[in-house]
Amino acid sequence: MSQELAWDREYIKSKLLTKDNKPQSDVVRFTKFLRKQGVELAKCRVLDLGSGAGRNSFYFAEMGAGVVGLEISKTAIQISNENSKKARLNIKYVKQSIGEKFPLEDESVDIVLDVTSSNSLSEGEREIYLSETNRVLKVGGYFLVKALCKDGDANAKYLLKNNPGKEKDTYIMPGLGVTERVWSKDDLISFYEKYFVIFNLEKKTSYSRINNRVYKRNFWICYLGKS
């Protein structure tokens, strides 16, 4: 099954994802960091990579930011457009993979969000995603990455052993058919420092519900900038 079909099926009948419009707590914390840096969010243009049902796009749009969301699932795009229309929010959603060239001009956005979206890219797609993010982000802009953590994560260790993917540190989620990449600290730093400055990197433990079972997972929360 292709990643596009897998994610579309997930949005039609969700086993993992939420479809509400409440922003993720890590995104709320990121906006507090931005304000401390003197960023005027109402004047920003935001790119939401893997925008899903629009929960984080909504949050920035409600603060007055201009938002563009890229999303591979047509069902998620439909949900997002319906909800944004009801809320009278001007958000542009584009159906495409974030592992392809972005439909945006050079240095045209102030903030980029990747909240566990690039985990499902192949190695080749991930290189495009990173270079494209660098291309469209303004100098002095900010980049939030939330990624799956390999270090100290028993569930990741189990999945890597029992459901391995084709590429380094990947596995296939049982029942979903979605490939995910987990990161060691050293690999994460090495990958993102090719283009960006890391302002903050922390490991966070939280719990994910899949098919009514709760799993303990570790994540990397990374604040980056383009200097």
Protein backbone atom coordinates (compact mmCIF):
# COMPACT_ATOMS: atom_id res chain seq x y z
CA MET A 1 0.00 0.00 0.00
CA SER A 2 1.29 3.47 -0.89
CA GLN A 3 1.82 6.03 1.88
CA GLU A 4 -0.85 8.24 0.30
CA LEU A 5 -3.48 5.49 0.42
CA ALA A 6 -2.46 4.48 3.94
CA TRP A 7 -2.86 8.01 5.29
CA ASP A 8 -6.10 8.56 3.39
CA ARG A 9 -7.54 5.38 4.88
CA GLU A 10 -6.40 6.55 8.31
CA TYR A 11 -8.31 9.83 7.96
CA ILE A 12 -11.42 8.02 6.75
CA LYS A 13 -11.39 5.65 9.73
CA SER A 14 -8.86 6.83 12.26
CA LYS A 15 -6.93 4.42 14.45
CA LEU A 16 -4.18 6.84 15.40
CA LEU A 17 -5.04 10.42 14.43
CA THR A 18 -7.33 13.00 15.96
CA LYS A 19 -9.58 15.18 13.81
CA ASP A 20 -10.31 17.94 16.32
CA ASN A 21 -9.19 21.55 15.93
CA LYS A 22 -7.30 21.91 19.19
CA PRO A 23 -3.60 22.67 18.61
CA GLN A 24 -1.03 20.21 19.87
CA SER A 25 0.56 21.22 23.16
CA ASP A 26 4.04 21.19 21.61
CA VAL A 27 2.90 23.76 19.06
CA VAL A 28 1.43 25.97 21.78
CA ARG A 29 4.77 25.83 23.64
CA PHE A 30 6.58 26.70 20.42
CA THR A 31 4.50 29.86 20.00
CA LYS A 32 5.48 30.93 23.51
CA PHE A 33 9.13 30.51 22.50
CA LEU A 34 8.50 32.57 19.35
CA ARG A 35 6.93 35.40 21.32
CA LYS A 36 9.96 35.49 23.63
CA GLN A 37 12.08 35.95 20.50
CA GLY A 38 9.98 38.97 19.60
CA VAL A 39 8.10 37.30 16.75
CA GLU A 40 4.78 39.00 15.88
CA LEU A 41 2.71 35.97 14.93
CA ALA A 42 -0.08 38.01 13.34
CA LYS A 43 2.40 39.28 10.75
CA CYS A 44 3.86 35.87 9.92
CA ARG A 45 3.34 33.45 7.06
CA VAL A 46 3.31 29.85 8.28
CA LEU A 47 3.89 26.62 6.37
CA ASP A 48 2.30 23.57 8.00
CA LEU A 49 3.90 20.40 6.63
CA GLY A 50 1.58 17.42 6.81
CA SER A 51 -1.24 19.66 7.96
CA GLY A 52 -3.69 16.80 8.51
CA ALA A 53 -7.13 17.92 9.62
CA GLY A 54 -5.77 21.43 10.22
CA ARG A 55 -5.50 21.64 13.99
CA ASN A 56 -2.17 23.52 14.02
CA SER A 57 -3.01 25.55 10.91
CA PHE A 58 -6.17 26.74 12.67
CA TYR A 59 -4.22 27.84 15.73
CA PHE A 60 -1.92 30.13 13.76
CA ALA A 61 -4.68 31.42 11.50
CA GLU A 62 -6.79 32.37 14.53
CA MET A 63 -3.86 34.53 15.68
CA GLY A 64 -3.89 36.35 12.35
CA ALA A 65 -1.06 34.53 10.57
CA GLY A 66 -1.30 33.58 6.92
CA VAL A 67 -1.12 29.79 6.65
CA VAL A 68 -0.41 27.29 3.90
CA GLY A 69 -0.83 23.58 4.62
CA LEU A 70 0.65 20.75 2.56
CA GLU A 71 -1.08 17.39 3.03
CA ILE A 72 -0.97 14.10 1.11
CA SER A 73 -4.42 12.83 2.13
CA LYS A 74 -7.36 14.10 0.06
CA THR A 75 -9.72 13.19 2.90
CA ALA A 76 -7.72 15.31 5.35
CA ILE A 77 -7.78 18.21 2.88
CA GLN A 78 -11.58 17.92 2.61
CA ILE A 79 -11.94 17.94 6.40
CA SER A 80 -9.60 20.94 6.71
CA ASN A 81 -11.34 22.96 4.03
CA GLU A 82 -14.79 22.29 5.50
CA ASN A 83 -13.67 23.28 8.99
CA SER A 84 -11.80 26.41 7.89
CA LYS A 85 -14.82 27.54 5.86
CA LYS A 86 -17.09 27.13 8.88
CA ALA A 87 -14.62 29.07 11.04
CA ARG A 88 -14.15 31.73 8.33
CA LEU A 89 -10.40 31.27 8.38
CA ASN A 90 -8.35 31.96 5.28
CA ILE A 91 -6.05 28.93 5.07
CA LYS A 92 -4.72 27.53 1.81
CA TYR A 93 -4.42 23.75 1.73
CA VAL A 94 -2.52 21.99 -1.05
CA LYS A 95 -2.70 18.27 -1.70
CA GLN A 96 0.84 16.98 -2.16
CA SER A 97 3.62 15.08 -0.47
CA ILE A 98 6.05 17.10 1.61
CA GLY A 99 8.78 15.05 -0.07
CA GLU A 100 8.23 17.00 -3.31
CA LYS A 101 9.12 20.55 -4.35
CA PHE A 102 6.98 23.00 -2.38
CA PRO A 103 4.64 25.32 -4.37
CA LEU A 104 6.11 28.40 -2.68
CA GLU A 105 8.60 31.10 -3.58
CA ASP A 106 12.10 31.35 -2.12
CA GLU A 107 12.24 32.82 1.40
CA SER A 108 8.48 33.38 1.49
CA VAL A 109 7.57 31.96 4.93
CA ASP A 110 8.51 32.96 8.47
CA ILE A 111 7.66 29.73 10.31
CA VAL A 112 7.62 26.06 9.28
CA LEU A 113 5.91 23.28 11.26
CA ASP A 114 6.74 19.59 10.96
CA VAL A 115 4.84 17.80 13.71
CA THR A 116 5.63 14.09 13.18
CA SER A 117 4.97 14.45 9.45
CA SER A 118 8.35 13.80 7.80
CA ASN A 119 8.69 10.49 9.69
CA SER A 120 6.90 8.71 6.83
CA LEU A 121 9.15 9.99 4.04
CA SER A 122 11.74 7.87 2.27
CA GLU A 123 15.39 8.91 2.55
CA GLY A 124 15.28 10.54 -0.88
CA GLU A 125 12.05 12.40 -0.11
CA ARG A 126 13.43 13.53 3.23
CA GLU A 127 16.41 15.21 1.55
CA ILE A 128 13.99 17.13 -0.72
CA TYR A 129 11.85 18.08 2.28
CA LEU A 130 14.87 19.49 4.10
CA SER A 131 16.29 21.44 1.16
CA GLU A 132 12.84 22.78 0.26
CA THR A 133 12.24 23.92 3.83
CA ASN A 134 15.55 25.75 3.71
CA ARG A 135 14.63 27.31 0.36
CA VAL A 136 11.23 28.71 1.37
CA LEU A 137 12.12 29.79 4.93
CA LYS A 138 13.26 33.36 5.36
CA VAL A 139 16.62 34.17 6.91
CA GLY A 140 15.84 34.61 10.59
CA GLY A 141 12.83 32.28 10.30
CA TYR A 142 11.95 29.44 12.67
CA PHE A 143 11.33 25.73 12.17
CA LEU A 144 9.61 23.34 14.60
CA VAL A 145 10.32 19.62 14.26
CA LYS A 146 8.66 16.92 16.34
CA ALA A 147 10.13 13.53 15.46
CA LEU A 148 9.93 9.99 16.78
CA CYS A 149 12.78 9.17 19.15
CA LYS A 150 14.72 5.91 19.00
CA ASP A 151 16.75 6.42 22.17
CA GLY A 152 15.28 4.62 25.18
CA ASP A 153 11.99 3.81 23.43
CA ALA A 154 10.99 0.19 24.02
CA ASN A 155 8.11 0.37 21.56
CA ALA A 156 10.39 1.67 18.79
CA LYS A 157 12.88 -1.10 19.54
CA TYR A 158 10.14 -3.72 19.28
CA LEU A 159 8.79 -2.35 16.00
CA LEU A 160 12.23 -2.08 14.41
CA LYS A 161 12.88 -5.73 15.23
CA ASN A 162 9.48 -7.19 14.37
CA ASN A 163 8.16 -4.89 11.61
CA PRO A 164 11.29 -3.52 9.91
CA GLY A 165 11.08 -1.13 6.97
CA LYS A 166 13.39 -1.04 3.98
CA GLU A 167 15.54 1.90 5.13
CA LYS A 168 17.60 2.77 8.19
CA ASP A 169 15.70 2.96 11.49
CA THR A 170 12.28 2.49 9.87
CA TYR A 171 9.40 0.17 10.66
CA ILE A 172 5.91 -0.43 9.28
CA MET A 173 3.09 0.32 11.69
CA PRO A 174 0.98 -2.86 12.15
CA GLY A 175 -2.56 -2.44 10.93
CA LEU A 176 -1.84 0.94 9.32
CA GLY A 177 0.73 0.12 6.65
CA VAL A 178 2.48 3.43 7.34
CA THR A 179 6.28 3.52 7.38
CA GLU A 180 7.84 5.55 10.19
CA ARG A 181 11.41 6.65 10.88
CA VAL A 182 12.81 6.92 14.41
CA TRP A 183 15.85 9.03 15.25
CA SER A 184 18.83 8.78 17.55
CA LYS A 185 19.97 12.11 18.94
CA ASP A 186 23.19 12.09 16.92
CA ASP A 187 21.41 11.27 13.65
CA LEU A 188 18.81 13.98 14.19
CA ILE A 189 21.43 16.64 14.89
CA SER A 190 23.57 15.57 11.94
CA PHE A 191 20.61 15.68 9.54
CA TYR A 192 19.13 19.05 10.47
CA GLU A 193 22.41 20.89 11.09
CA LYS A 194 23.16 20.62 7.38
CA TYR A 195 20.92 23.67 6.91
CA PHE A 196 19.73 24.98 10.26
CA VAL A 197 20.87 26.16 13.67
CA ILE A 198 19.42 24.17 16.58
CA PHE A 199 18.19 26.45 19.37
CA ASN A 200 16.63 23.78 21.55
CA LEU A 201 16.45 19.99 21.50
CA GLU A 202 14.71 17.94 24.15
CA LYS A 203 13.33 14.45 24.54
CA LYS A 204 9.70 14.19 25.58
CA THR A 205 7.78 11.14 26.71
CA SER A 206 4.06 10.94 25.97
CA TYR A 207 1.41 8.35 25.29
CA SER A 208 -0.21 7.43 21.97
CA ARG A 209 -3.51 5.59 21.61
CA ILE A 210 -3.70 3.08 18.76
CA ASN A 211 -6.71 0.77 18.37
CA ASN A 212 -7.77 1.59 21.94
CA ARG A 213 -4.37 0.58 23.33
CA VAL A 214 -2.04 3.11 24.92
CA TYR A 215 1.65 3.07 24.03
CA LYS A 216 4.46 4.97 25.72
CA ARG A 217 6.51 6.83 23.11
CA ASN A 218 9.52 9.13 23.14
CA PHE A 219 9.72 12.16 20.84
CA TRP A 220 12.30 14.77 19.94
CA ILE A 221 11.12 18.37 20.13
CA CYS A 222 13.50 20.58 18.15
CA TYR A 223 13.47 24.34 17.62
CA LEU A 224 15.57 25.38 14.64
CA GLY A 225 16.35 28.59 12.82
CA LYS A 226 17.76 29.78 9.53
CA SER A 227 20.67 32.14 10.07
